[in-house]
Protein backbone atom coordinates (compact mmCIF):
# COMPACT_ATOMS: atom_id res chain seq x y z
CA UNK A 1 64.35 -69.29 -81.17
CA UNK A 2 66.29 -69.89 -77.84
CA UNK A 3 69.91 -70.79 -77.64
CA UNK A 4 69.38 -74.24 -76.14
CA UNK A 5 66.83 -75.01 -78.92
CA UNK A 6 69.33 -74.03 -81.60
CA UNK A 7 72.08 -76.26 -80.03
CA UNK A 8 69.76 -79.21 -79.72
CA UNK A 9 68.53 -78.92 -83.42
CA UNK A 10 72.26 -78.54 -84.46
CA UNK A 11 73.29 -81.54 -82.69
CA UNK A 12 70.39 -83.57 -84.02
CA UNK A 13 70.92 -82.50 -87.28
CA UNK A 14 74.64 -83.49 -87.24
CA UNK A 15 73.52 -86.81 -85.98
CA UNK A 16 71.16 -87.53 -88.74
CA UNK A 17 73.80 -86.43 -91.49
CA UNK A 18 76.37 -88.68 -90.02
CA UNK A 19 73.91 -91.55 -89.83
CA UNK A 20 72.76 -90.99 -93.36
CA UNK A 21 76.40 -90.68 -94.43
CA UNK A 22 77.61 -93.66 -92.61
CA UNK A 23 74.73 -95.84 -93.45
CA UNK A 24 75.05 -95.12 -97.23
CA UNK A 25 78.80 -95.80 -97.16
CA UNK A 26 78.41 -99.11 -95.18
CA UNK A 27 75.54 -100.22 -97.33
CA UNK A 28 77.66 -99.64 -100.61
CA UNK A 29 80.63 -101.20 -98.93
CA UNK A 30 78.59 -104.36 -97.83
CA UNK A 31 76.82 -104.53 -101.23
CA UNK A 32 80.16 -104.36 -103.02
CA UNK A 33 81.75 -106.86 -100.87
CA UNK A 34 78.94 -109.36 -100.95
CA UNK A 35 78.50 -109.25 -104.78
CA UNK A 36 82.22 -109.70 -105.26
CA UNK A 37 81.89 -112.78 -102.89
CA UNK A 38 78.93 -113.94 -104.90
CA UNK A 39 80.74 -113.54 -108.13
CA UNK A 40 83.98 -115.25 -107.05
CA UNK A 41 81.76 -118.15 -105.47
CA UNK A 42 79.78 -118.33 -108.75
CA UNK A 43 82.95 -118.57 -110.84
CA UNK A 44 84.38 -121.17 -108.57
CA UNK A 45 80.95 -123.35 -108.85
CA UNK A 46 80.87 -122.91 -112.63
CA UNK A 47 84.48 -123.96 -113.14
CA UNK A 48 83.98 -127.14 -110.93
CA UNK A 49 80.82 -128.07 -112.31
CA UNK A 50 82.49 -127.65 -115.94
CA UNK A 51 85.22 -129.90 -115.00
CA UNK A 52 82.89 -132.44 -113.66
CA UNK A 53 80.64 -132.78 -116.55
CA UNK A 54 83.32 -132.24 -119.47
CA UNK A 55 83.61 -136.02 -120.11
CA UNK A 56 79.94 -136.28 -120.01
CA UNK A 57 79.58 -133.64 -122.72
CA UNK A 58 81.78 -135.40 -125.04
CA UNK A 59 79.94 -138.46 -124.52
CA UNK A 60 76.60 -136.86 -124.96
CA UNK A 61 75.50 -138.25 -121.61
CA UNK A 62 72.51 -136.12 -120.81
CA UNK A 63 71.44 -138.10 -117.66
CA UNK A 64 74.90 -137.47 -115.82
CA UNK A 65 74.94 -133.94 -116.91
CA UNK A 66 71.22 -133.20 -115.65
CA UNK A 67 72.25 -135.16 -112.44
CA UNK A 68 75.31 -133.02 -111.66
CA UNK A 69 73.29 -129.75 -112.58
CA UNK A 70 70.32 -130.60 -110.15
CA UNK A 71 72.95 -131.76 -107.46
CA UNK A 72 74.69 -128.43 -107.57
CA UNK A 73 71.56 -126.29 -107.49
CA UNK A 74 70.09 -128.40 -104.56
CA UNK A 75 73.46 -127.66 -102.77
CA UNK A 76 73.48 -123.83 -103.37
CA UNK A 77 70.25 -121.94 -102.63
CA UNK A 78 71.65 -118.91 -104.35
CA UNK A 79 71.47 -120.46 -107.83
CA UNK A 80 68.45 -119.57 -109.79
CA UNK A 81 69.27 -121.74 -112.95
CA UNK A 82 71.98 -123.68 -114.87
CA UNK A 83 71.78 -124.40 -118.38
CA UNK A 84 74.38 -125.85 -121.03
CA UNK A 85 74.48 -125.33 -124.60
CA UNK A 86 75.80 -128.02 -127.03
CA UNK A 87 77.92 -128.00 -130.10
CA UNK A 88 75.08 -126.62 -132.17
CA UNK A 89 74.75 -123.57 -129.98
CA UNK A 90 71.23 -124.82 -128.73
CA UNK A 91 70.22 -125.45 -125.12
CA UNK A 92 71.55 -129.09 -124.27
CA UNK A 93 70.55 -129.40 -120.54
CA UNK A 94 68.86 -127.13 -118.14
CA UNK A 95 67.38 -126.96 -114.64
CA UNK A 96 64.11 -124.65 -115.67
CA UNK A 97 60.96 -126.86 -114.24
CA UNK A 98 58.67 -125.39 -116.94
CA UNK A 99 60.95 -125.13 -119.93
CA UNK A 100 63.60 -122.43 -120.68
CA UNK A 101 62.75 -119.04 -121.92
CA UNK A 102 62.81 -118.46 -125.59
CA UNK A 103 65.35 -115.76 -125.41
CA UNK A 104 67.55 -117.60 -123.02
CA UNK A 105 70.56 -117.54 -125.40
CA UNK A 106 70.61 -113.81 -125.57
CA UNK A 107 70.88 -113.21 -121.83
CA UNK A 108 74.63 -113.63 -121.80
CA UNK A 109 76.10 -114.70 -125.16
CA UNK A 110 79.76 -115.61 -125.00
CA UNK A 111 81.95 -114.25 -128.13
CA UNK A 112 85.76 -113.95 -127.46
CA UNK A 113 86.09 -114.02 -123.86
CA UNK A 114 85.77 -117.58 -122.21
CA UNK A 115 84.11 -115.94 -119.32
CA UNK A 116 81.35 -113.55 -119.06
CA UNK A 117 79.40 -112.12 -116.01
CA UNK A 118 76.33 -110.18 -116.73
CA UNK A 119 73.46 -108.84 -114.41
CA UNK A 120 70.21 -109.70 -115.53
CA UNK A 121 66.60 -108.41 -114.73
CA UNK A 122 64.12 -111.16 -114.84
CA UNK A 123 60.56 -111.91 -113.66
CA UNK A 124 61.85 -113.22 -110.39
CA UNK A 125 64.14 -110.27 -109.78
CA UNK A 126 68.02 -109.51 -110.37
CA UNK A 127 70.13 -112.47 -111.27
CA UNK A 128 73.77 -112.52 -112.00
CA UNK A 129 74.61 -115.04 -114.91
CA UNK A 130 78.28 -116.38 -115.02
CA UNK A 131 78.91 -117.97 -118.52
CA UNK A 132 82.05 -119.89 -119.34
CA UNK A 133 83.41 -122.00 -122.00
CA UNK A 134 83.66 -125.72 -121.10
CA UNK A 135 86.19 -126.38 -123.68
CA UNK A 136 88.41 -123.66 -125.25
CA UNK A 137 87.92 -123.14 -128.74
CA UNK A 138 84.70 -125.22 -128.81
CA UNK A 139 80.87 -124.39 -128.66
CA UNK A 140 79.54 -125.91 -125.44
CA UNK A 141 78.78 -123.00 -122.79
CA UNK A 142 77.95 -123.48 -119.10
CA UNK A 143 75.69 -120.74 -117.55
CA UNK A 144 74.80 -120.45 -114.04
CA UNK A 145 72.39 -117.68 -112.76
CA UNK A 146 73.00 -116.54 -109.06
CA UNK A 147 69.98 -114.69 -107.37
CA UNK A 148 70.81 -111.39 -105.69
CA UNK A 149 67.85 -111.90 -103.48
CA UNK A 150 69.92 -112.70 -100.34
CA UNK A 151 71.96 -109.63 -100.93
CA UNK A 152 69.14 -107.40 -101.35
CA UNK A 153 67.46 -108.78 -98.33
CA UNK A 154 70.66 -108.44 -96.38
CA UNK A 155 70.91 -104.81 -97.47
CA UNK A 156 67.29 -104.09 -96.41
CA UNK A 157 68.13 -105.64 -92.89
CA UNK A 158 71.26 -103.47 -92.79
CA UNK A 159 69.05 -100.30 -93.71
CA UNK A 160 66.54 -100.97 -91.01
CA UNK A 161 69.17 -101.66 -88.68
CA UNK A 162 71.00 -98.21 -89.54
CA UNK A 163 67.60 -96.48 -89.25
CA UNK A 164 66.70 -97.95 -85.93
CA UNK A 165 70.18 -97.27 -84.58
CA UNK A 166 70.07 -93.75 -85.95
CA UNK A 167 66.76 -93.21 -84.27
CA UNK A 168 68.25 -94.47 -80.96
CA UNK A 169 71.31 -92.27 -81.30
CA UNK A 170 69.08 -89.27 -82.16
CA UNK A 171 66.88 -89.77 -79.02
CA UNK A 172 70.07 -90.23 -76.90
CA UNK A 173 71.91 -87.28 -78.66
CA UNK A 174 68.82 -84.96 -78.31
CA UNK A 175 68.46 -85.84 -74.66
CA UNK A 176 72.10 -85.16 -74.07
CA UNK A 177 72.12 -82.08 -76.11
CA UNK A 178 69.12 -80.83 -74.32
CA UNK A 179 70.56 -81.44 -70.96
CA UNK A 180 73.93 -80.05 -71.86
CA UNK A 181 72.56 -77.05 -73.56
CA UNK A 182 70.15 -76.25 -70.64
CA UNK A 183 73.52 -76.41 -68.42
CA UNK A 184 75.27 -74.18 -70.77
CA UNK A 185 72.69 -71.67 -71.43
CA UNK A 186 71.11 -71.64 -67.81
CA UNK A 187 73.92 -69.09 -66.45
CA UNK A 188 73.84 -67.13 -69.93
CA UNK A 189 70.10 -66.54 -69.50
CA UNK A 190 70.87 -65.50 -65.93
CA UNK A 191 73.30 -63.06 -67.29
CA UNK A 192 70.65 -61.77 -69.80
CA UNK A 193 68.17 -61.15 -67.02
CA UNK A 194 70.82 -59.51 -64.99
CA UNK A 195 71.52 -56.93 -67.82
CA UNK A 196 67.78 -56.26 -67.89
CA UNK A 197 67.94 -55.35 -64.33
CA UNK A 198 70.92 -53.04 -65.08
CA UNK A 199 69.10 -51.44 -67.88
CA UNK A 200 66.20 -50.79 -65.52
CA UNK A 201 68.68 -48.67 -63.46
CA UNK A 202 68.53 -51.37 -60.49
CA UNK A 203 72.20 -50.91 -59.73
CA UNK A 204 74.21 -52.54 -56.88
CA UNK A 205 72.62 -56.15 -57.25
CA UNK A 206 74.92 -59.13 -57.52
CA UNK A 207 74.45 -62.20 -59.81
CA UNK A 208 75.78 -65.74 -58.84
CA UNK A 209 76.07 -68.44 -61.42
CA UNK A 210 76.92 -71.93 -60.89
CA UNK A 211 79.29 -72.25 -63.58
CA UNK A 212 83.07 -72.03 -63.60
CA UNK A 213 85.58 -70.54 -66.28
CA UNK A 214 84.50 -67.78 -68.81
CA UNK A 215 80.90 -67.42 -67.48
CA UNK A 216 81.95 -67.10 -63.85
CA UNK A 217 84.49 -64.41 -64.98
CA UNK A 218 81.81 -62.66 -67.02
CA UNK A 219 79.48 -62.83 -63.93
CA UNK A 220 82.14 -60.98 -61.83
CA UNK A 221 82.59 -58.29 -64.53
CA UNK A 222 78.71 -57.72 -64.33
CA UNK A 223 78.75 -57.63 -60.44
CA UNK A 224 81.75 -55.13 -60.64
CA UNK A 225 79.93 -53.01 -63.40
CA UNK A 226 76.74 -53.12 -61.20
CA UNK A 227 78.52 -51.78 -58.15
CA UNK A 228 80.33 -49.20 -60.09
CA UNK A 229 77.03 -48.14 -61.81
CA UNK A 230 75.46 -47.76 -58.45
CA UNK A 231 78.45 -45.37 -57.31
CA UNK A 232 78.15 -43.53 -60.44
CA UNK A 233 74.20 -43.02 -60.22
CA UNK A 234 74.61 -41.78 -56.67
CA UNK A 235 77.14 -39.28 -57.80
CA UNK A 236 74.95 -38.37 -60.74
CA UNK A 237 71.85 -37.83 -58.53
CA UNK A 238 74.08 -35.69 -56.18
CA UNK A 239 75.08 -33.55 -59.16
CA UNK A 240 71.61 -33.54 -60.68
CA UNK A 241 70.35 -31.99 -57.28
CA UNK A 242 73.09 -29.45 -57.29
CA UNK A 243 72.45 -28.60 -60.78
CA UNK A 244 68.75 -28.09 -60.01
CA UNK A 245 69.61 -25.89 -57.16
CA UNK A 246 72.15 -24.09 -59.31
CA UNK A 247 69.59 -23.56 -62.18
CA UNK A 248 66.99 -22.37 -59.70
CA UNK A 249 69.02 -19.77 -58.14
CA UNK A 250 70.06 -18.56 -61.64
CA UNK A 251 66.57 -18.42 -62.69
CA UNK A 252 65.77 -16.62 -59.29
CA UNK A 253 68.38 -13.97 -59.98
CA UNK A 254 67.14 -13.30 -63.34
CA UNK A 255 63.66 -13.09 -61.88
CA UNK A 256 64.87 -10.84 -59.05
CA UNK A 257 66.48 -8.29 -61.50
CA UNK A 258 63.30 -8.14 -63.64
CA UNK A 259 60.96 -8.09 -60.50
CA UNK A 260 62.75 -5.06 -59.16
CA UNK A 261 62.56 -3.42 -62.64
CA UNK A 262 58.80 -4.22 -62.92
CA UNK A 263 58.20 -3.16 -59.25
CA UNK A 264 59.79 0.09 -59.69
CA UNK A 265 57.55 1.53 -62.12
CA UNK A 266 54.23 1.15 -60.14
CA UNK A 267 56.19 2.21 -57.01
CA UNK A 268 57.10 5.49 -58.86
CA UNK A 269 53.54 5.87 -59.93
CA UNK A 270 52.33 5.49 -56.46
CA UNK A 271 54.96 7.78 -54.91
CA UNK A 272 54.18 10.57 -57.27
CA UNK A 273 50.39 10.38 -56.47
CA UNK A 274 50.99 10.51 -52.73
CA UNK A 275 53.44 13.29 -53.12
CA UNK A 276 50.63 15.10 -54.97
CA UNK A 277 48.22 14.14 -52.09
CA UNK A 278 50.29 15.96 -49.76
CA UNK A 279 48.67 19.44 -50.92
CA UNK A 280 45.29 18.04 -51.58
CA UNK A 281 42.28 17.30 -49.18
CA UNK A 282 41.97 13.75 -50.50
CA UNK A 283 42.71 11.61 -53.63
CA UNK A 284 40.07 11.43 -56.35
CA UNK A 285 38.42 8.04 -57.36
CA UNK A 286 40.53 7.95 -60.62
CA UNK A 287 43.89 8.36 -58.43
CA UNK A 288 42.70 5.46 -55.99
CA UNK A 289 41.81 3.24 -59.29
CA UNK A 290 45.46 4.04 -60.45
CA UNK A 291 46.89 3.00 -57.00
CA UNK A 292 44.76 -0.13 -56.85
CA UNK A 293 45.64 -1.19 -60.23
CA UNK A 294 49.47 -0.61 -59.65
CA UNK A 295 49.30 -2.39 -56.24
CA UNK A 296 47.42 -5.40 -57.85
CA UNK A 297 50.24 -5.51 -60.64
CA UNK A 298 52.83 -5.71 -58.08
CA UNK A 299 50.73 -8.44 -56.10
CA UNK A 300 50.51 -10.50 -59.30
CA UNK A 301 54.17 -10.14 -59.91
CA UNK A 302 55.15 -11.26 -56.55
CA UNK A 303 52.77 -14.25 -56.45
CA UNK A 304 54.30 -15.35 -59.62
CA UNK A 305 57.68 -14.94 -58.19
CA UNK A 306 57.01 -16.89 -54.88
CA UNK A 307 55.40 -19.71 -56.52
CA UNK A 308 58.51 -20.23 -58.57
CA UNK A 309 60.83 -19.56 -55.57
CA UNK A 310 59.01 -21.99 -53.55
CA UNK A 311 59.95 -24.74 -55.87
CA UNK A 312 63.69 -24.28 -54.92
CA UNK A 313 63.99 -27.66 -53.50
CA UNK A 314 62.35 -30.28 -55.68
CA UNK A 315 60.26 -33.02 -54.45
CA UNK A 316 61.37 -35.66 -56.82
CA UNK A 317 59.40 -38.98 -56.88
CA UNK A 318 57.97 -41.26 -59.68
CA UNK A 319 54.90 -39.70 -61.32
CA UNK A 320 52.60 -40.81 -64.00
CA UNK A 321 52.74 -38.10 -66.71
CA UNK A 322 49.32 -39.01 -68.11
CA UNK A 323 47.56 -39.06 -64.57
CA UNK A 324 49.41 -35.59 -64.08
CA UNK A 325 47.95 -34.15 -67.26
CA UNK A 326 44.34 -35.34 -66.30
CA UNK A 327 44.60 -33.70 -62.82
CA UNK A 328 45.83 -30.54 -64.62
CA UNK A 329 42.87 -30.64 -66.91
CA UNK A 330 40.40 -31.12 -64.02
CA UNK A 331 41.36 -27.71 -62.77
CA UNK A 332 40.23 -26.19 -66.13
CA UNK A 333 36.84 -27.90 -66.60
CA UNK A 334 34.78 -24.88 -65.68
CA UNK A 335 36.96 -22.82 -68.08
CA UNK A 336 36.47 -25.23 -71.11
CA UNK A 337 32.66 -25.35 -70.61
CA UNK A 338 32.47 -21.42 -70.23
CA UNK A 339 34.38 -20.77 -73.61
CA UNK A 340 32.68 -23.77 -75.31
CA UNK A 341 35.97 -25.62 -75.92
CA UNK A 342 36.16 -29.08 -76.99
CA UNK A 343 39.01 -31.26 -75.17
CA UNK A 344 40.73 -33.94 -76.96
CA UNK A 345 43.06 -36.22 -75.08
CA UNK A 346 45.51 -38.65 -77.00
CA UNK A 347 47.40 -40.10 -74.07
CA UNK A 348 49.63 -43.10 -75.06
CA UNK A 349 49.34 -46.21 -72.73
CA UNK A 350 53.23 -46.89 -73.20
CA UNK A 351 54.49 -43.89 -71.27
CA UNK A 352 56.74 -45.00 -68.38
CA UNK A 353 56.87 -43.49 -64.90
CA UNK A 354 59.58 -40.67 -64.58
CA UNK A 355 61.14 -39.10 -61.46
CA UNK A 356 60.01 -35.47 -61.40
CA UNK A 357 58.35 -32.55 -59.15
CA UNK A 358 54.81 -33.14 -59.74
CA UNK A 359 53.73 -29.66 -58.36
CA UNK A 360 56.08 -28.01 -60.68
CA UNK A 361 55.35 -29.99 -63.71
CA UNK A 362 51.48 -29.69 -63.20
CA UNK A 363 52.19 -25.91 -62.91
CA UNK A 364 53.86 -25.77 -66.15
CA UNK A 365 51.13 -27.94 -67.66
CA UNK A 366 48.42 -25.43 -66.31
CA UNK A 367 50.20 -22.38 -67.78
CA UNK A 368 50.36 -23.98 -71.21
CA UNK A 369 46.70 -24.90 -70.97
CA UNK A 370 45.57 -21.58 -69.78
CA UNK A 371 47.58 -19.99 -72.59
CA UNK A 372 45.87 -22.21 -75.07
CA UNK A 373 42.45 -21.16 -73.53
CA UNK A 374 43.28 -17.56 -73.71
CA UNK A 375 44.08 -17.96 -77.36
CA UNK A 376 40.47 -19.35 -78.07
CA UNK A 377 38.09 -16.85 -76.34
CA UNK A 378 35.26 -17.63 -78.66
CA UNK A 379 35.79 -21.41 -78.52
CA UNK A 380 37.62 -23.97 -80.51
CA UNK A 381 39.57 -27.33 -79.68
CA UNK A 382 42.20 -28.14 -77.07
CA UNK A 383 44.03 -31.35 -77.92
CA UNK A 384 46.58 -32.71 -75.57
CA UNK A 385 48.64 -35.80 -76.31
CA UNK A 386 51.53 -37.90 -75.00
CA UNK A 387 53.85 -40.19 -76.99
CA UNK A 388 57.18 -42.07 -76.32
CA UNK A 389 59.85 -40.78 -78.79
CA UNK A 390 63.16 -42.32 -78.83
CA UNK A 391 64.42 -41.87 -75.14
CA UNK A 392 62.06 -39.02 -74.27
CA UNK A 393 58.25 -38.43 -73.32
CA UNK A 394 56.81 -35.96 -75.81
CA UNK A 395 53.66 -33.88 -74.42
CA UNK A 396 51.77 -31.79 -76.68
CA UNK A 397 49.39 -28.98 -76.24
CA UNK A 398 47.66 -27.67 -79.20
CA UNK A 399 45.02 -25.06 -79.66
CA UNK A 400 43.03 -23.75 -82.61
CA UNK A 401 43.56 -19.78 -81.72
CA UNK A 402 44.68 -17.23 -83.98
CA UNK A 403 48.37 -18.15 -83.57
CA UNK A 404 51.54 -16.21 -82.17
CA UNK A 405 52.59 -13.49 -84.56
CA UNK A 406 56.04 -14.16 -86.19
CA UNK A 407 57.68 -11.02 -85.02
CA UNK A 408 57.38 -11.95 -81.42
CA UNK A 409 57.91 -15.68 -81.59
CA UNK A 410 61.57 -15.35 -80.51
CA UNK A 411 60.44 -13.43 -77.20
CA UNK A 412 57.79 -15.51 -75.80
CA UNK A 413 60.01 -17.26 -73.29
CA UNK A 414 61.53 -13.88 -72.13
CA UNK A 415 60.62 -13.02 -68.59
CA UNK A 416 58.03 -10.00 -68.34
CA UNK A 417 57.40 -10.24 -72.10
CA UNK A 418 53.67 -10.12 -72.57
CA UNK A 419 51.16 -8.83 -75.27
CA UNK A 420 48.17 -9.39 -72.70
CA UNK A 421 46.90 -6.27 -70.90
CA UNK A 422 47.47 -6.70 -66.99
CA UNK A 423 49.78 -9.87 -67.99
CA UNK A 424 52.93 -10.48 -66.00
CA UNK A 425 55.02 -11.99 -68.70
CA UNK A 426 56.17 -14.90 -66.38
CA UNK A 427 54.07 -17.66 -67.41
CA UNK A 428 55.97 -19.14 -70.28
CA UNK A 429 59.31 -18.14 -68.61
CA UNK A 430 58.42 -20.14 -65.49
CA UNK A 431 57.45 -23.07 -67.97
CA UNK A 432 60.61 -22.72 -69.60
CA UNK A 433 62.51 -22.98 -66.44
CA UNK A 434 60.56 -25.94 -64.89
CA UNK A 435 61.21 -28.09 -68.24
CA UNK A 436 64.81 -26.98 -68.24
CA UNK A 437 65.27 -27.69 -64.64
CA UNK A 438 64.05 -31.42 -65.33
CA UNK A 439 66.64 -31.64 -68.25
CA UNK A 440 63.63 -31.40 -70.76
CA UNK A 441 63.00 -29.06 -73.62
CA UNK A 442 59.86 -26.98 -74.45
CA UNK A 443 59.33 -25.87 -78.11
CA UNK A 444 56.36 -24.64 -80.29
CA UNK A 445 55.18 -24.24 -83.75
CA UNK A 446 52.64 -21.63 -84.59
CA UNK A 447 50.66 -20.65 -87.66
CA UNK A 448 47.44 -18.96 -88.38
CA UNK A 449 44.60 -21.10 -86.56
CA UNK A 450 46.97 -23.60 -84.81
CA UNK A 451 49.59 -23.50 -82.10
CA UNK A 452 51.13 -26.44 -80.66
CA UNK A 453 53.65 -26.37 -77.71
CA UNK A 454 55.77 -29.70 -77.23
CA UNK A 455 57.48 -30.60 -74.05
CA UNK A 456 59.98 -33.16 -74.21
CA UNK A 457 61.28 -34.94 -70.90
CA UNK A 458 63.90 -37.67 -70.57
CA UNK A 459 62.34 -41.01 -69.88
CA UNK A 460 65.41 -41.78 -67.84
CA UNK A 461 64.58 -39.35 -65.03
């Protein structure tokens, strides 16, 4: 849920809560006030009527009593009934049209108090019965029933009015909340989008928000951060290039030392043969075979050396790792068919583009693939996969060959170390240096029947 939605819902909720709270409080206050007013009015009417008919009660003048009762009832629409008990505690006079209810005397009987008020529930609704003694110490009682219908109708009207006003306020409040929340959150969303721009390493851009105060200060801070990150990125790229050159020069120095050592042996053999040729008519075929073999060995060494040395200046550009792997595999199609090897590709679609030297990474992948093919001369399964792990791209090359013996596993990345006849021992060394130059890591796991090489490249390149 977005921030503006939360603000709008919160404001509407507050309005509804306040509306209900105020409505209930107002309803209770009005109801209490009206019932008090009705009670006071009823007591006043009952006492006035009692004084008016007191003489008629003493004279048993039923006509005047009935006349006074009906006159009062006609003037007061809230009066439901009036009845009077006599000295025998029986109903002496009343205003009921169809006779009085049989349990009438039990509705609000007077005992000790000269005045009693009782809320009654009748067939025609709630009635507030006000009963009082006409003469203190005598039996006659006057009872007047006041209907609460007017109060209930007024309370319903108040309730409907509060509901309507609450709905109107909710509508107005929701509109204002929506507008204000949009006004407040718009610059915040702009800042969020700007952070996405920064996270995508697009430094040096600026953001402008049409807001003052803290948001404007925050935007200025982001602009300053973007500018500083741009400078930092440029310095880092320069340092990275210098690091790559230094790493390459270091690697070339190691290669040169090993190359000099490896070339010295075949040159010594060739030198000794030619010294022997001085006293002979011509070399034998066996001697020529030795010379050609040693020359080929030196040629392979120099080829490997030059292919690595030519990458001294990296050609960095954005590349698709999956596409690079597919192109490398295309170069081994014939070899796969020739050795009856099944290829499995599990390339993740979520791999981002990275900045790297495509030719060098392709060379590293070819070296790993050819090593895997050489481990399966009688067929097998070659599996290549890519995955996004944390902040790195993992490339795996797995074969179903015999595996790497435990005793040599700590030497396979050393230059000029090989177990193959005629091998140069530079393949995995070149792979290690190429991946290291890209700030990556190459590891492997090997057991009988399976070897997996894993290349981890930082996704931020």
